[in-house]
């Protein structure tokens, strides 16, 4: 199960820098970074190492299987971000 970023994300980029598999986007230098409301984890690239979740000071990142009931839709939101890329 990959990790998922929810709408609690503040885009402080700590998780981006910590991600060893480069699965979190957009990075600050990517063209859509100013347009999105949160960061996203590519479920195909996530190594499930949990480093991103421990780096997140806002508790915005959860293991897919542990998403709170009101945040389960964010598994699809994260995957959908990468669908056209």
C-alpha atoms as a PDB file:
ATOM      1  CA  UNK A   1       0.000   0.000   0.000  1.00  0.00           C
ATOM      2  CA  UNK A   2       1.455   3.374  -0.986  1.00  0.00           C
ATOM      3  CA  UNK A   3       1.340   6.520   1.088  1.00  0.00           C
ATOM      4  CA  UNK A   4      -1.224   9.216   0.291  1.00  0.00           C
ATOM      5  CA  UNK A   5      -1.194  12.975   0.825  1.00  0.00           C
ATOM      6  CA  UNK A   6      -4.447  14.518   2.030  1.00  0.00           C
ATOM      7  CA  UNK A   7      -5.835  18.057   1.959  1.00  0.00           C
ATOM      8  CA  UNK A   8      -4.017  18.871   5.208  1.00  0.00           C
ATOM      9  CA  UNK A   9      -0.942  19.406   3.018  1.00  0.00           C
ATOM     10  CA  UNK A  10       0.647  22.843   3.370  1.00  0.00           C
ATOM     11  CA  UNK A  11       3.152  22.309   0.533  1.00  0.00           C
ATOM     12  CA  UNK A  12       6.159  23.031   2.741  1.00  0.00           C
ATOM     13  CA  UNK A  13       8.134  20.549   0.561  1.00  0.00           C
ATOM     14  CA  UNK A  14       9.821  18.718   3.458  1.00  0.00           C
ATOM     15  CA  UNK A  15       8.325  15.445   2.249  1.00  0.00           C
ATOM     16  CA  UNK A  16       9.491  16.100  -1.321  1.00  0.00           C
ATOM     17  CA  UNK A  17      13.073  16.505  -0.164  1.00  0.00           C
ATOM     18  CA  UNK A  18      12.844  13.405   2.041  1.00  0.00           C
ATOM     19  CA  UNK A  19      11.375  11.073  -0.591  1.00  0.00           C
ATOM     20  CA  UNK A  20      14.055   8.649  -1.768  1.00  0.00           C
ATOM     21  CA  UNK A  21      11.990   7.441  -4.732  1.00  0.00           C
ATOM     22  CA  UNK A  22      11.085  10.915  -6.054  1.00  0.00           C
ATOM     23  CA  UNK A  23       7.407   9.926  -5.889  1.00  0.00           C
ATOM     24  CA  UNK A  24       6.077  13.238  -4.534  1.00  0.00           C
ATOM     25  CA  UNK A  25       5.153  16.016  -6.927  1.00  0.00           C
ATOM     26  CA  UNK A  26       5.001  18.715  -7.999  1.00  0.00           C
ATOM     27  CA  UNK A  27       8.456  19.836  -7.036  1.00  0.00           C
ATOM     28  CA  UNK A  28       8.953  23.569  -6.646  1.00  0.00           C
ATOM     29  CA  UNK A  29      10.609  23.807 -10.074  1.00  0.00           C
ATOM     30  CA  UNK A  30       7.798  22.010 -11.931  1.00  0.00           C
ATOM     31  CA  UNK A  31       5.465  24.079 -14.072  1.00  0.00           C
ATOM     32  CA  UNK A  32       2.255  23.319 -12.175  1.00  0.00           C
ATOM     33  CA  UNK A  33       3.643  23.839  -8.666  1.00  0.00           C
ATOM     34  CA  UNK A  34       1.947  27.229  -8.283  1.00  0.00           C
ATOM     35  CA  UNK A  35      -1.390  25.927  -9.550  1.00  0.00           C
ATOM     36  CA  UNK A  36      -2.039  22.968  -7.258  1.00  0.00           C
ATOM     37  CA  UNK A  37      -3.501  23.066  -3.762  1.00  0.00           C
ATOM     38  CA  UNK A  38      -1.432  20.198  -2.368  1.00  0.00           C
ATOM     39  CA  UNK A  39       1.360  17.746  -3.123  1.00  0.00           C
ATOM     40  CA  UNK A  40       0.684  14.235  -4.431  1.00  0.00           C
ATOM     41  CA  UNK A  41       2.355  10.831  -4.119  1.00  0.00           C
ATOM     42  CA  UNK A  42       2.606   8.636  -7.202  1.00  0.00           C
ATOM     43  CA  UNK A  43       1.293   5.247  -6.041  1.00  0.00           C
ATOM     44  CA  UNK A  44       3.345   3.494  -8.733  1.00  0.00           C
ATOM     45  CA  UNK A  45       6.618   4.990  -7.455  1.00  0.00           C
ATOM     46  CA  UNK A  46       6.059   5.032  -3.691  1.00  0.00           C
ATOM     47  CA  UNK A  47       8.452   2.650  -1.897  1.00  0.00           C
ATOM     48  CA  UNK A  48       6.319   2.698   1.249  1.00  0.00           C
ATOM     49  CA  UNK A  49       9.312   3.683   3.376  1.00  0.00           C
ATOM     50  CA  UNK A  50       7.268   6.098   5.581  1.00  0.00           C
ATOM     51  CA  UNK A  51       9.926   8.816   5.564  1.00  0.00           C
ATOM     52  CA  UNK A  52       7.503  11.308   4.017  1.00  0.00           C
ATOM     53  CA  UNK A  53       4.944  10.701   6.757  1.00  0.00           C
ATOM     54  CA  UNK A  54       7.498  11.211   9.503  1.00  0.00           C
ATOM     55  CA  UNK A  55       8.755  14.423   7.859  1.00  0.00           C
ATOM     56  CA  UNK A  56       5.264  15.900   7.536  1.00  0.00           C
ATOM     57  CA  UNK A  57       4.665  18.248  10.467  1.00  0.00           C
ATOM     58  CA  UNK A  58       0.970  18.538   9.612  1.00  0.00           C
ATOM     59  CA  UNK A  59      -0.083  14.863   9.659  1.00  0.00           C
ATOM     60  CA  UNK A  60      -1.184  15.096   6.032  1.00  0.00           C
ATOM     61  CA  UNK A  61       0.348  11.795   4.884  1.00  0.00           C
ATOM     62  CA  UNK A  62      -1.089   8.355   5.596  1.00  0.00           C
ATOM     63  CA  UNK A  63      -0.563   4.817   4.467  1.00  0.00           C
ATOM     64  CA  UNK A  64      -3.344   4.086   1.982  1.00  0.00           C
ATOM     65  CA  UNK A  65      -4.863   1.426   4.215  1.00  0.00           C
ATOM     66  CA  UNK A  66      -4.829   3.784   7.228  1.00  0.00           C
ATOM     67  CA  UNK A  67      -6.528   6.837   5.707  1.00  0.00           C
ATOM     68  CA  UNK A  68      -9.105   8.363   8.068  1.00  0.00           C
ATOM     69  CA  UNK A  69     -12.704   7.749   7.021  1.00  0.00           C
ATOM     70  CA  UNK A  70     -13.176  11.338   5.863  1.00  0.00           C
ATOM     71  CA  UNK A  71     -10.032  11.248   3.721  1.00  0.00           C
ATOM     72  CA  UNK A  72     -10.295   7.968   1.810  1.00  0.00           C
ATOM     73  CA  UNK A  73     -10.971   9.809  -1.469  1.00  0.00           C
ATOM     74  CA  UNK A  74      -7.403  11.133  -1.441  1.00  0.00           C
ATOM     75  CA  UNK A  75      -6.011   7.788  -2.608  1.00  0.00           C
ATOM     76  CA  UNK A  76      -7.798   8.435  -5.909  1.00  0.00           C
ATOM     77  CA  UNK A  77      -6.933  12.154  -5.861  1.00  0.00           C
ATOM     78  CA  UNK A  78      -3.220  11.324  -5.624  1.00  0.00           C
ATOM     79  CA  UNK A  79      -3.392   8.662  -8.356  1.00  0.00           C
ATOM     80  CA  UNK A  80      -5.456  10.920 -10.637  1.00  0.00           C
ATOM     81  CA  UNK A  81      -2.797  13.640 -10.501  1.00  0.00           C
ATOM     82  CA  UNK A  82      -0.382  11.250 -12.227  1.00  0.00           C
ATOM     83  CA  UNK A  83      -2.879   9.734 -14.684  1.00  0.00           C
ATOM     84  CA  UNK A  84      -2.097  12.231 -17.456  1.00  0.00           C
ATOM     85  CA  UNK A  85       1.627  12.506 -16.839  1.00  0.00           C
END
